[in-house]
Amino acid sequence: MKYKKPPISIEDQINLLVSRGMDISDRDRASRYLSHISYFRLRGYWIPFETPGDGKDHHFKDGTDFDSVLELYLFDRKFRLLILEAIERVEVSFRAHFANELGILYGSHFYLDTKYISNHNIHKKLMDSLKTEIERSDEVFIEHYLKTYDDPFFPPVWAAAEIMSLGQLSKWFRNIKSRTDRNRVARSFGIDQSILESFMHHLTVVRNVTAHHGRLWNRRLPVTMKLPENPSELASMLNPKTGRYIGNTVIMLGYFLKQISPGTTWPLRMRQLIDDSPGIRPAAMGFHENWKDLSW
């Protein structure tokens, strides 16, 4: 079927929402937000307010107002920023442990040696990607290395890891041949290497959503992650029935941050954000019903 819907003005967008049952008491305010956020982006936040099974008419439930939709949008914005803050801390720590644990054990350029690598084809692709990153990097430490040394072309692992994307770094970690070596990195976080590998891949997807300012709070994520059985305290906080939603991600990030910085206030701030948002249903995010009782 060919797409035939014409673009409509902000005023007509407001009229359409009102005709479908949304209460908009301040049209000027709604116009301002729609002009800066866009109808299409904001639409993802009013879908929960639509009448179930309404088909293509998209009528709203009784009592739906623009302010409630906007509150949900603003909550998600704050939520994404908190998630991005946590991912940054975890990513930086993961880089450091990957480089330090394995670099000290096997040397500054161990990652060039295929005897430490599981899949040589994947290794070649990762090396090609890293070469591209090195050639276009404007990091001072990369420029210094290239000006000072010519053998090998690639910098030591502690420098190389800093210019790898989280997605690339997670692939490097997954491609380390020795499970024992992978566990050397994972034990820094008190978990098994398989859990760390899965979680880093999962975080790559979540980070991409947050970096592009996508709706996150109730998004059905394209990848799940392997849930840990140990430590038992962490395992008890996770919900195995909602693997494609963000609730387990929040719990895992809180756990990682406590390993990195025991005095972190992040779990408290996350809980406070959700508590202060009465329109948010934690169950829609994938949390346990008793999420407030969980030991963050």
Foldseek 3Di string as FASTA:
>chain_A
DDDDDDDDALVVLVVLLVVLPADEPDSVVSSVCCVVCNPVQLVVQCQVQFDPPPPPSRHGDHPHYPVLSVLSLVLQLVVLVLLLVLVVLLLVLLLVLLQVLVCVVPHFAVLVDCVQFADVVLSVVLVVVLVVLLVPDPDPVSVVCCVPDVPPNDGGSSVSSVSDDLQSVLSSLVGGDDLVSLQSSVVLLPFGSQQVSQLSNVVVQSNVCSVVPHRAQQDQAPDFGDQGPPPVLLNVFADPVRRRFCQNVLSVSVSSVCSVPVPDCSVVVSVVSQVVSVSDDNVSRVGDPVNVPRDD
